[in-house]
PDB file of N, CA and C in Angstrom:
ATOM      1  N   MET A   1     -24.218  57.465  78.392  1.00  0.00           N
ATOM      2  CA  MET A   1     -23.777  56.744  77.214  1.00  0.00           C
ATOM      3  C   MET A   1     -22.648  57.523  76.561  1.00  0.00           C
ATOM      4  N   ASN A   2     -21.527  56.885  76.307  1.00  0.00           N
ATOM      5  CA  ASN A   2     -20.345  57.568  75.796  1.00  0.00           C
ATOM      6  C   ASN A   2     -20.113  57.314  74.319  1.00  0.00           C
ATOM      7  N   THR A   3     -21.166  57.147  73.546  1.00  0.00           N
ATOM      8  CA  THR A   3     -20.958  56.923  72.117  1.00  0.00           C
ATOM      9  C   THR A   3     -20.746  58.258  71.420  1.00  0.00           C
ATOM     10  N   ALA A   4     -19.835  58.243  70.495  1.00  0.00           N
ATOM     11  CA  ALA A   4     -19.552  59.461  69.736  1.00  0.00           C
ATOM     12  C   ALA A   4     -20.662  59.687  68.735  1.00  0.00           C
ATOM     13  N   GLY A   5     -20.864  60.929  68.334  1.00  0.00           N
ATOM     14  CA  GLY A   5     -21.923  61.253  67.388  1.00  0.00           C
ATOM     15  C   GLY A   5     -21.595  60.819  65.978  1.00  0.00           C
ATOM     16  N   THR A   6     -22.603  60.837  65.146  1.00  0.00           N
ATOM     17  CA  THR A   6     -22.425  60.514  63.736  1.00  0.00           C
ATOM     18  C   THR A   6     -22.816  61.727  62.908  1.00  0.00           C
ATOM     19  N   ILE A   7     -22.752  61.586  61.615  1.00  0.00           N
ATOM     20  CA  ILE A   7     -23.096  62.702  60.739  1.00  0.00           C
ATOM     21  C   ILE A   7     -24.576  63.049  60.900  1.00  0.00           C
ATOM     22  N   ASP A   8     -25.422  62.005  60.916  1.00  0.00           N
ATOM     23  CA  ASP A   8     -26.862  62.241  61.012  1.00  0.00           C
ATOM     24  C   ASP A   8     -27.295  62.667  62.413  1.00  0.00           C
ATOM     25  N   ARG A   9     -26.628  62.147  63.420  1.00  0.00           N
ATOM     26  CA  ARG A   9     -26.970  62.476  64.800  1.00  0.00           C
ATOM     27  C   ARG A   9     -25.708  62.958  65.528  1.00  0.00           C
ATOM     28  N   PRO A  10     -25.422  64.234  65.449  1.00  0.00           N
ATOM     29  CA  PRO A  10     -24.194  64.730  66.072  1.00  0.00           C
ATOM     30  C   PRO A  10     -24.239  64.587  67.589  1.00  0.00           C
ATOM     31  N   LEU A  11     -23.052  64.542  68.176  1.00  0.00           N
ATOM     32  CA  LEU A  11     -22.928  64.388  69.624  1.00  0.00           C
ATOM     33  C   LEU A  11     -23.559  65.567  70.343  1.00  0.00           C
ATOM     34  N   THR A  12     -23.439  66.731  69.768  1.00  0.00           N
ATOM     35  CA  THR A  12     -24.007  67.923  70.387  1.00  0.00           C
ATOM     36  C   THR A  12     -24.812  68.701  69.348  1.00  0.00           C
ATOM     37  N   GLN A  13     -25.807  69.424  69.821  1.00  0.00           N
ATOM     38  CA  GLN A  13     -26.609  70.246  68.921  1.00  0.00           C
ATOM     39  C   GLN A  13     -26.063  71.672  68.822  1.00  0.00           C
ATOM     40  N   ASP A  14     -25.072  71.998  69.642  1.00  0.00           N
ATOM     41  CA  ASP A  14     -24.496  73.333  69.636  1.00  0.00           C
ATOM     42  C   ASP A  14     -23.602  73.488  68.404  1.00  0.00           C
ATOM     43  N   PRO A  15     -23.957  74.378  67.460  1.00  0.00           N
ATOM     44  CA  PRO A  15     -23.160  74.503  66.239  1.00  0.00           C
ATOM     45  C   PRO A  15     -21.724  74.945  66.491  1.00  0.00           C
ATOM     46  N   LYS A  16     -21.468  75.655  67.585  1.00  0.00           N
ATOM     47  CA  LYS A  16     -20.103  76.100  67.863  1.00  0.00           C
ATOM     48  C   LYS A  16     -19.201  74.940  68.242  1.00  0.00           C
ATOM     49  N   LYS A  17     -19.773  73.869  68.777  1.00  0.00           N
ATOM     50  CA  LYS A  17     -18.977  72.718  69.193  1.00  0.00           C
ATOM     51  C   LYS A  17     -18.873  71.666  68.090  1.00  0.00           C
ATOM     52  N   GLN A  18     -19.581  71.871  66.996  1.00  0.00           N
ATOM     53  CA  GLN A  18     -19.512  70.923  65.882  1.00  0.00           C
ATOM     54  C   GLN A  18     -18.474  71.391  64.872  1.00  0.00           C
ATOM     55  N   ALA A  19     -17.893  70.432  64.188  1.00  0.00           N
ATOM     56  CA  ALA A  19     -16.927  70.791  63.150  1.00  0.00           C
ATOM     57  C   ALA A  19     -17.678  71.375  61.957  1.00  0.00           C
ATOM     58  N   PRO A  20     -17.153  72.404  61.357  1.00  0.00           N
ATOM     59  CA  PRO A  20     -17.840  72.966  60.181  1.00  0.00           C
ATOM     60  C   PRO A  20     -17.758  71.995  59.013  1.00  0.00           C
ATOM     61  N   MET A  21     -18.815  71.961  58.230  1.00  0.00           N
ATOM     62  CA  MET A  21     -18.841  71.073  57.075  1.00  0.00           C
ATOM     63  C   MET A  21     -17.893  71.560  55.984  1.00  0.00           C
ATOM     64  N   LYS A  22     -17.684  72.865  55.891  1.00  0.00           N
ATOM     65  CA  LYS A  22     -16.732  73.426  54.944  1.00  0.00           C
ATOM     66  C   LYS A  22     -16.086  74.639  55.622  1.00  0.00           C
ATOM     67  N   PRO A  23     -14.913  75.011  55.229  1.00  0.00           N
ATOM     68  CA  PRO A  23     -14.244  76.137  55.893  1.00  0.00           C
ATOM     69  C   PRO A  23     -15.020  77.438  55.680  1.00  0.00           C
ATOM     70  N   PHE A  24     -14.959  78.271  56.698  1.00  0.00           N
ATOM     71  CA  PHE A  24     -15.614  79.574  56.611  1.00  0.00           C
ATOM     72  C   PHE A  24     -14.901  80.445  55.585  1.00  0.00           C
ATOM     73  N   PRO A  25     -15.650  81.263  54.836  1.00  0.00           N
ATOM     74  CA  PRO A  25     -15.007  82.142  53.844  1.00  0.00           C
ATOM     75  C   PRO A  25     -14.083  83.167  54.498  1.00  0.00           C
ATOM     76  N   SER A  26     -14.357  83.551  55.741  1.00  0.00           N
ATOM     77  CA  SER A  26     -13.517  84.545  56.404  1.00  0.00           C
ATOM     78  C   SER A  26     -12.178  83.963  56.852  1.00  0.00           C
ATOM     79  N   GLU A  27     -12.104  82.629  56.978  1.00  0.00           N
ATOM     80  CA  GLU A  27     -10.871  81.984  57.420  1.00  0.00           C
ATOM     81  C   GLU A  27      -9.949  81.785  56.225  1.00  0.00           C
ATOM     82  N   PRO A  28      -8.701  82.189  56.330  1.00  0.00           N
ATOM     83  CA  PRO A  28      -7.781  82.007  55.207  1.00  0.00           C
ATOM     84  C   PRO A  28      -7.511  80.524  54.953  1.00  0.00           C
ATOM     85  N   ALA A  29      -7.386  80.187  53.701  1.00  0.00           N
ATOM     86  CA  ALA A  29      -7.144  78.790  53.338  1.00  0.00           C
ATOM     87  C   ALA A  29      -5.772  78.368  53.821  1.00  0.00           C
ATOM     88  N   GLY A  30      -5.713  77.211  54.463  1.00  0.00           N
ATOM     89  CA  GLY A  30      -4.438  76.686  54.946  1.00  0.00           C
ATOM     90  C   GLY A  30      -3.911  77.420  56.159  1.00  0.00           C
ATOM     91  N   SER A  31      -4.785  77.989  56.985  1.00  0.00           N
ATOM     92  CA  SER A  31      -4.306  78.694  58.177  1.00  0.00           C
ATOM     93  C   SER A  31      -3.700  77.686  59.145  1.00  0.00           C
ATOM     94  N   ALA A  32      -2.650  78.093  59.806  1.00  0.00           N
ATOM     95  CA  ALA A  32      -1.922  77.196  60.692  1.00  0.00           C
ATOM     96  C   ALA A  32      -2.588  77.078  62.053  1.00  0.00           C
ATOM     97  N   ILE A  33      -3.501  77.954  62.392  1.00  0.00           N
ATOM     98  CA  ILE A  33      -4.139  77.928  63.699  1.00  0.00           C
ATOM     99  C   ILE A  33      -5.344  76.998  63.627  1.00  0.00           C
ATOM    100  N   GLU A  34      -5.315  75.977  64.477  1.00  0.00           N
ATOM    101  CA  GLU A  34      -6.408  75.019  64.488  1.00  0.00           C
ATOM    102  C   GLU A  34      -7.335  75.338  65.648  1.00  0.00           C
ATOM    103  N   ASP A  35      -8.623  75.320  65.400  1.00  0.00           N
ATOM    104  CA  ASP A  35      -9.604  75.616  66.430  1.00  0.00           C
ATOM    105  C   ASP A  35      -9.734  74.395  67.337  1.00  0.00           C
ATOM    106  N   ILE A  36      -9.403  74.547  68.606  1.00  0.00           N
ATOM    107  CA  ILE A  36      -9.393  73.426  69.546  1.00  0.00           C
ATOM    108  C   ILE A  36     -10.814  72.944  69.837  1.00  0.00           C
ATOM    109  N   THR A  37     -11.798  73.813  69.828  1.00  0.00           N
ATOM    110  CA  THR A  37     -13.165  73.411  70.176  1.00  0.00           C
ATOM    111  C   THR A  37     -13.786  72.512  69.113  1.00  0.00           C
ATOM    112  N   THR A  38     -13.340  72.618  67.866  1.00  0.00           N
ATOM    113  CA  THR A  38     -13.963  71.814  66.814  1.00  0.00           C
ATOM    114  C   THR A  38     -13.218  70.517  66.539  1.00  0.00           C
ATOM    115  N   THR A  39     -12.035  70.332  67.105  1.00  0.00           N
ATOM    116  CA  THR A  39     -11.247  69.136  66.805  1.00  0.00           C
ATOM    117  C   THR A  39     -11.961  67.882  67.264  1.00  0.00           C
ATOM    118  N   GLY A  40     -12.468  67.858  68.477  1.00  0.00           N
ATOM    119  CA  GLY A  40     -13.156  66.683  69.001  1.00  0.00           C
ATOM    120  C   GLY A  40     -14.411  66.376  68.218  1.00  0.00           C
ATOM    121  N   ALA A  41     -15.155  67.409  67.851  1.00  0.00           N
ATOM    122  CA  ALA A  41     -16.382  67.197  67.084  1.00  0.00           C
ATOM    123  C   ALA A  41     -16.052  66.650  65.705  1.00  0.00           C
ATOM    124  N   TYR A  42     -14.971  67.126  65.099  1.00  0.00           N
ATOM    125  CA  TYR A  42     -14.581  66.635  63.782  1.00  0.00           C
ATOM    126  C   TYR A  42     -14.187  65.164  63.868  1.00  0.00           C
ATOM    127  N   ASP A  43     -13.420  64.817  64.904  1.00  0.00           N
ATOM    128  CA  ASP A  43     -13.018  63.421  65.067  1.00  0.00           C
ATOM    129  C   ASP A  43     -14.234  62.533  65.296  1.00  0.00           C
ATOM    130  N   SER A  44     -15.224  63.038  66.043  1.00  0.00           N
ATOM    131  CA  SER A  44     -16.400  62.214  66.312  1.00  0.00           C
ATOM    132  C   SER A  44     -17.215  61.990  65.045  1.00  0.00           C
ATOM    133  N   ARG A  45     -17.120  62.910  64.104  1.00  0.00           N
ATOM    134  CA  ARG A  45     -17.852  62.727  62.851  1.00  0.00           C
ATOM    135  C   ARG A  45     -17.169  61.714  61.938  1.00  0.00           C
ATOM    136  N   GLN A  46     -15.914  61.427  62.199  1.00  0.00           N
ATOM    137  CA  GLN A  46     -15.179  60.514  61.332  1.00  0.00           C
ATOM    138  C   GLN A  46     -15.442  59.055  61.660  1.00  0.00           C
ATOM    139  N   ASN A  47     -16.303  58.768  62.656  1.00  0.00           N
ATOM    140  CA  ASN A  47     -16.542  57.375  63.006  1.00  0.00           C
ATOM    141  C   ASN A  47     -17.494  56.698  62.031  1.00  0.00           C
ATOM    142  N   ARG A  48     -18.043  57.431  61.077  1.00  0.00           N
ATOM    143  CA  ARG A  48     -18.893  56.814  60.060  1.00  0.00           C
ATOM    144  C   ARG A  48     -17.992  56.365  58.916  1.00  0.00           C
ATOM    145  N   THR A  49     -17.461  55.182  59.057  1.00  0.00           N
ATOM    146  CA  THR A  49     -16.524  54.662  58.069  1.00  0.00           C
ATOM    147  C   THR A  49     -17.288  53.977  56.942  1.00  0.00           C
ATOM    148  N   ARG A  50     -16.536  53.483  55.989  1.00  0.00           N
ATOM    149  CA  ARG A  50     -17.157  52.785  54.854  1.00  0.00           C
ATOM    150  C   ARG A  50     -17.899  51.543  55.329  1.00  0.00           C
ATOM    151  N   GLU A  51     -17.308  50.827  56.316  1.00  0.00           N
ATOM    152  CA  GLU A  51     -17.960  49.632  56.837  1.00  0.00           C
ATOM    153  C   GLU A  51     -19.301  49.978  57.465  1.00  0.00           C
ATOM    154  N   MET A  52     -19.346  51.086  58.182  1.00  0.00           N
ATOM    155  CA  MET A  52     -20.605  51.492  58.817  1.00  0.00           C
ATOM    156  C   MET A  52     -21.640  51.866  57.767  1.00  0.00           C
ATOM    157  N   GLN A  53     -21.198  52.463  56.678  1.00  0.00           N
ATOM    158  CA  GLN A  53     -22.147  52.835  55.634  1.00  0.00           C
ATOM    159  C   GLN A  53     -22.685  51.612  54.909  1.00  0.00           C
ATOM    160  N   LEU A  54     -21.930  50.502  54.943  1.00  0.00           N
ATOM    161  CA  LEU A  54     -22.361  49.282  54.269  1.00  0.00           C
ATOM    162  C   LEU A  54     -23.144  48.346  55.190  1.00  0.00           C
ATOM    163  N   ILE A  55     -23.311  48.710  56.455  1.00  0.00           N
ATOM    164  CA  ILE A  55     -24.027  47.849  57.405  1.00  0.00           C
ATOM    165  C   ILE A  55     -25.453  47.564  56.945  1.00  0.00           C
ATOM    166  N   PRO A  56     -26.250  48.560  56.530  1.00  0.00           N
ATOM    167  CA  PRO A  56     -27.615  48.230  56.090  1.00  0.00           C
ATOM    168  C   PRO A  56     -27.642  47.259  54.914  1.00  0.00           C
ATOM    169  N   GLU A  57     -26.689  47.405  54.003  1.00  0.00           N
ATOM    170  CA  GLU A  57     -26.614  46.493  52.861  1.00  0.00           C
ATOM    171  C   GLU A  57     -26.288  45.076  53.326  1.00  0.00           C
ATOM    172  N   ALA A  58     -25.347  44.967  54.273  1.00  0.00           N
ATOM    173  CA  ALA A  58     -24.981  43.652  54.806  1.00  0.00           C
ATOM    174  C   ALA A  58     -26.151  43.030  55.573  1.00  0.00           C
ATOM    175  N   LEU A  59     -26.882  43.850  56.319  1.00  0.00           N
ATOM    176  CA  LEU A  59     -28.045  43.345  57.041  1.00  0.00           C
ATOM    177  C   LEU A  59     -29.116  42.851  56.068  1.00  0.00           C
ATOM    178  N   ALA A  60     -29.334  43.601  55.004  1.00  0.00           N
ATOM    179  CA  ALA A  60     -30.326  43.180  54.004  1.00  0.00           C
ATOM    180  C   ALA A  60     -29.897  41.880  53.336  1.00  0.00           C
ATOM    181  N   ARG A  61     -28.595  41.765  53.048  1.00  0.00           N
ATOM    182  CA  ARG A  61     -28.091  40.536  52.427  1.00  0.00           C
ATOM    183  C   ARG A  61     -28.269  39.344  53.368  1.00  0.00           C
ATOM    184  N   ALA A  62     -27.964  39.530  54.655  1.00  0.00           N
ATOM    185  CA  ALA A  62     -28.129  38.453  55.635  1.00  0.00           C
ATOM    186  C   ALA A  62     -29.601  38.086  55.790  1.00  0.00           C
ATOM    187  N   HIS A  63     -30.462  39.106  55.771  1.00  0.00           N
ATOM    188  CA  HIS A  63     -31.899  38.856  55.899  1.00  0.00           C
ATOM    189  C   HIS A  63     -32.405  38.043  54.708  1.00  0.00           C
ATOM    190  N   MET A  64     -31.979  38.409  53.503  1.00  0.00           N
ATOM    191  CA  MET A  64     -32.398  37.671  52.316  1.00  0.00           C
ATOM    192  C   MET A  64     -31.853  36.234  52.345  1.00  0.00           C
ATOM    193  N   HIS A  65     -30.635  36.061  52.834  1.00  0.00           N
ATOM    194  CA  HIS A  65     -30.038  34.733  52.954  1.00  0.00           C
ATOM    195  C   HIS A  65     -30.891  33.880  53.891  1.00  0.00           C
ATOM    196  N   ASP A  66     -31.288  34.447  55.034  1.00  0.00           N
ATOM    197  CA  ASP A  66     -32.133  33.720  55.978  1.00  0.00           C
ATOM    198  C   ASP A  66     -33.493  33.393  55.367  1.00  0.00           C
ATOM    199  N   ARG A  67     -34.059  34.350  54.644  1.00  0.00           N
ATOM    200  CA  ARG A  67     -35.372  34.116  54.026  1.00  0.00           C
ATOM    201  C   ARG A  67     -35.297  33.008  52.974  1.00  0.00           C
ATOM    202  N   LEU A  68     -34.202  32.990  52.192  1.00  0.00           N
ATOM    203  CA  LEU A  68     -34.046  31.947  51.177  1.00  0.00           C
ATOM    204  C   LEU A  68     -33.915  30.565  51.820  1.00  0.00           C
ATOM    205  N   HIS A  69     -33.136  30.496  52.907  1.00  0.00           N
ATOM    206  CA  HIS A  69     -32.987  29.213  53.604  1.00  0.00           C
ATOM    207  C   HIS A  69     -34.311  28.772  54.222  1.00  0.00           C
ATOM    208  N   GLU A  70     -35.047  29.716  54.771  1.00  0.00           N
ATOM    209  CA  GLU A  70     -36.350  29.394  55.354  1.00  0.00           C
ATOM    210  C   GLU A  70     -37.304  28.878  54.270  1.00  0.00           C
ATOM    211  N   ALA A  71     -37.314  29.518  53.111  1.00  0.00           N
ATOM    212  CA  ALA A  71     -38.169  29.074  52.008  1.00  0.00           C
ATOM    213  C   ALA A  71     -37.759  27.677  51.539  1.00  0.00           C
ATOM    214  N   GLU A  72     -36.458  27.420  51.478  1.00  0.00           N
ATOM    215  CA  GLU A  72     -35.983  26.098  51.065  1.00  0.00           C
ATOM    216  C   GLU A  72     -36.406  25.034  52.079  1.00  0.00           C
ATOM    217  N   ARG A  73     -36.322  25.346  53.369  1.00  0.00           N
ATOM    218  CA  ARG A  73     -36.778  24.406  54.406  1.00  0.00           C
ATOM    219  C   ARG A  73     -38.279  24.128  54.255  1.00  0.00           C
ATOM    220  N   GLU A  74     -39.051  25.172  53.990  1.00  0.00           N
ATOM    221  CA  GLU A  74     -40.496  24.990  53.816  1.00  0.00           C
ATOM    222  C   GLU A  74     -40.800  24.129  52.598  1.00  0.00           C
ATOM    223  N   ARG A  75     -40.054  24.335  51.505  1.00  0.00           N
ATOM    224  CA  ARG A  75     -40.255  23.515  50.306  1.00  0.00           C
ATOM    225  C   ARG A  75     -39.919  22.050  50.586  1.00  0.00           C
ATOM    226  N   ARG A  76     -38.804  21.824  51.321  1.00  0.00           N
ATOM    227  CA  ARG A  76     -38.431  20.444  51.668  1.00  0.00           C
ATOM    228  C   ARG A  76     -39.500  19.790  52.536  1.00  0.00           C
ATOM    229  N   ALA A  77     -40.019  20.546  53.504  1.00  0.00           N
ATOM    230  CA  ALA A  77     -41.065  20.004  54.382  1.00  0.00           C
ATOM    231  C   ALA A  77     -42.327  19.681  53.586  1.00  0.00           C
ATOM    232  N   LEU A  78     -42.669  20.543  52.635  1.00  0.00           N
ATOM    233  CA  LEU A  78     -43.849  20.307  51.801  1.00  0.00           C
ATOM    234  C   LEU A  78     -43.658  19.069  50.925  1.00  0.00           C
ATOM    235  N   ARG A  79     -42.458  18.924  50.354  1.00  0.00           N
ATOM    236  CA  ARG A  79     -42.178  17.728  49.539  1.00  0.00           C
ATOM    237  C   ARG A  79     -42.244  16.457  50.386  1.00  0.00           C
ATOM    238  N   LEU A  80     -41.725  16.517  51.617  1.00  0.00           N
ATOM    239  CA  LEU A  80     -41.756  15.361  52.507  1.00  0.00           C
ATOM    240  C   LEU A  80     -43.199  14.997  52.866  1.00  0.00           C
ATOM    241  N   ALA A  81     -44.015  15.994  53.183  1.00  0.00           N
ATOM    242  CA  ALA A  81     -45.416  15.735  53.513  1.00  0.00           C
ATOM    243  C   ALA A  81     -46.147  15.132  52.321  1.00  0.00           C
ATOM    244  N   THR A  82     -45.870  15.654  51.126  1.00  0.00           N
ATOM    245  CA  THR A  82     -46.502  15.118  49.916  1.00  0.00           C
ATOM    246  C   THR A  82     -46.068  13.671  49.680  1.00  0.00           C
ATOM    247  N   ALA A  83     -44.781  13.393  49.870  1.00  0.00           N
ATOM    248  CA  ALA A  83     -44.274  12.035  49.668  1.00  0.00           C
ATOM    249  C   ALA A  83     -44.911  11.071  50.662  1.00  0.00           C
ATOM    250  N   ARG A  84     -45.063  11.483  51.908  1.00  0.00           N
ATOM    251  CA  ARG A  84     -45.694  10.606  52.916  1.00  0.00           C
ATOM    252  C   ARG A  84     -47.165  10.358  52.580  1.00  0.00           C
ATOM    253  N   ARG A  85     -47.837  11.397  52.113  1.00  0.00           N
ATOM    254  CA  ARG A  85     -49.246  11.249  51.740  1.00  0.00           C
ATOM    255  C   ARG A  85     -49.381  10.261  50.571  1.00  0.00           C
ATOM    256  N   MET A  86     -48.494  10.393  49.575  1.00  0.00           N
ATOM    257  CA  MET A  86     -48.527   9.479  48.434  1.00  0.00           C
ATOM    258  C   MET A  86     -48.194   8.050  48.877  1.00  0.00           C
ATOM    259  N   GLN A  87     -47.267   7.891  49.823  1.00  0.00           N
ATOM    260  CA  GLN A  87     -46.904   6.558  50.308  1.00  0.00           C
ATOM    261  C   GLN A  87     -48.096   5.913  51.009  1.00  0.00           C
ATOM    262  N   ARG A  88     -48.814   6.677  51.828  1.00  0.00           N
ATOM    263  CA  ARG A  88     -50.002   6.136  52.503  1.00  0.00           C
ATOM    264  C   ARG A  88     -51.067   5.730  51.498  1.00  0.00           C
ATOM    265  N   ARG A  89     -51.233   6.562  50.467  1.00  0.00           N
ATOM    266  CA  ARG A  89     -52.218   6.251  49.421  1.00  0.00           C
ATOM    267  C   ARG A  89     -51.835   4.953  48.696  1.00  0.00           C
ATOM    268  N   ALA A  90     -50.530   4.795  48.411  1.00  0.00           N
ATOM    269  CA  ALA A  90     -50.057   3.579  47.736  1.00  0.00           C
ATOM    270  C   ALA A  90     -50.235   2.355  48.633  1.00  0.00           C
ATOM    271  N   GLU A  91     -49.976   2.512  49.940  1.00  0.00           N
ATOM    272  CA  GLU A  91     -50.160   1.390  50.863  1.00  0.00           C
ATOM    273  C   GLU A  91     -51.631   0.984  50.940  1.00  0.00           C
ATOM    274  N   ARG A  92     -52.534   1.968  50.947  1.00  0.00           N
ATOM    275  CA  ARG A  92     -53.964   1.649  50.979  1.00  0.00           C
ATOM    276  C   ARG A  92     -54.389   0.915  49.695  1.00  0.00           C
ATOM    277  N   ALA A  93     -53.875   1.372  48.548  1.00  0.00           N
ATOM    278  CA  ALA A  93     -54.181   0.704  47.278  1.00  0.00           C
ATOM    279  C   ALA A  93     -53.648  -0.720  47.273  1.00  0.00           C
ATOM    280  N   SER A  94     -52.452  -0.926  47.832  1.00  0.00           N
ATOM    281  CA  SER A  94     -51.866  -2.255  47.907  1.00  0.00           C
ATOM    282  C   SER A  94     -52.718  -3.172  48.787  1.00  0.00           C
ATOM    283  N   MET A  95     -53.189  -2.638  49.920  1.00  0.00           N
ATOM    284  CA  MET A  95     -54.032  -3.438  50.813  1.00  0.00           C
ATOM    285  C   MET A  95     -55.355  -3.804  50.126  1.00  0.00           C
ATOM    286  N   ARG A  96     -55.935  -2.868  49.376  1.00  0.00           N
ATOM    287  CA  ARG A  96     -57.174  -3.169  48.653  1.00  0.00           C
ATOM    288  C   ARG A  96     -56.936  -4.267  47.614  1.00  0.00           C
ATOM    289  N   ALA A  97     -55.787  -4.176  46.923  1.00  0.00           N
ATOM    290  CA  ALA A  97     -55.468  -5.193  45.914  1.00  0.00           C
ATOM    291  C   ALA A  97     -55.285  -6.556  46.571  1.00  0.00           C
ATOM    292  N   ARG A  98     -54.614  -6.633  47.700  1.00  0.00           N
ATOM    293  CA  ARG A  98     -54.415  -7.899  48.414  1.00  0.00           C
ATOM    294  C   ARG A  98     -55.757  -8.476  48.851  1.00  0.00           C
ATOM    295  N   ARG A  99     -56.590  -7.584  49.389  1.00  0.00           N
ATOM    296  CA  ARG A  99     -57.897  -8.029  49.854  1.00  0.00           C
ATOM    297  C   ARG A  99     -58.724  -8.588  48.685  1.00  0.00           C
ATOM    298  N   ALA A 100     -58.671  -7.861  47.557  1.00  0.00           N
ATOM    299  CA  ALA A 100     -59.420  -8.321  46.385  1.00  0.00           C
ATOM    300  C   ALA A 100     -58.882  -9.660  45.884  1.00  0.00           C
ATOM    301  N   LEU A 101     -57.559  -9.831  45.913  1.00  0.00           N
ATOM    302  CA  LEU A 101     -56.944 -11.080  45.477  1.00  0.00           C
ATOM    303  C   LEU A 101     -57.340 -12.224  46.421  1.00  0.00           C
ATOM    304  N   ALA A 102     -57.301 -11.946  47.700  1.00  0.00           N
ATOM    305  CA  ALA A 102     -57.666 -12.952  48.695  1.00  0.00           C
ATOM    306  C   ALA A 102     -59.123 -13.367  48.520  1.00  0.00           C
ATOM    307  N   MET A 103     -59.998 -12.381  48.266  1.00  0.00           N
ATOM    308  CA  MET A 103     -61.411 -12.699  48.065  1.00  0.00           C
ATOM    309  C   MET A 103     -61.599 -13.546  46.807  1.00  0.00           C
ATOM    310  N   ALA A 104     -60.807 -13.236  45.742  1.00  0.00           N
ATOM    311  CA  ALA A 104     -60.932 -13.996  44.498  1.00  0.00           C
ATOM    312  C   ALA A 104     -60.442 -15.422  44.688  1.00  0.00           C
ATOM    313  N   VAL A 105     -59.399 -15.628  45.462  1.00  0.00           N
ATOM    314  CA  VAL A 105     -58.826 -16.956  45.689  1.00  0.00           C
ATOM    315  C   VAL A 105     -59.786 -17.780  46.546  1.00  0.00           C
ATOM    316  N   MET A 106     -60.443 -17.139  47.526  1.00  0.00           N
ATOM    317  CA  MET A 106     -61.329 -17.862  48.438  1.00  0.00           C
ATOM    318  C   MET A 106     -62.558 -18.399  47.709  1.00  0.00           C
ATOM    319  N   GLN A 107     -62.964 -17.789  46.650  1.00  0.00           N
ATOM    320  CA  GLN A 107     -64.195 -18.246  45.984  1.00  0.00           C
ATOM    321  C   GLN A 107     -63.946 -19.194  44.929  1.00  0.00           C
TER     322      GLN A 107
END
């Protein structure tokens, strides 16, 4: 697997191959000599961009969006089932009324 490391999971566990988090006190500030062994490790640590840091937030937002839509679908289904149940009840009441009317007319 050729994925570069991140801050939390560096590509290598060898501290000599990782970029230092802060300059060493023994190294003069602004030295012109760049350490070749740490350049690649430093670049690999830079792959954690702002977008990557916002991924969990975006995933949570998408998850909540899906949950809200699912809840709305369930509410619509419940309303539809209730409406059908009420319609059947009304049809049964109508049939009873017709039957009662027919019985009254026959006598």
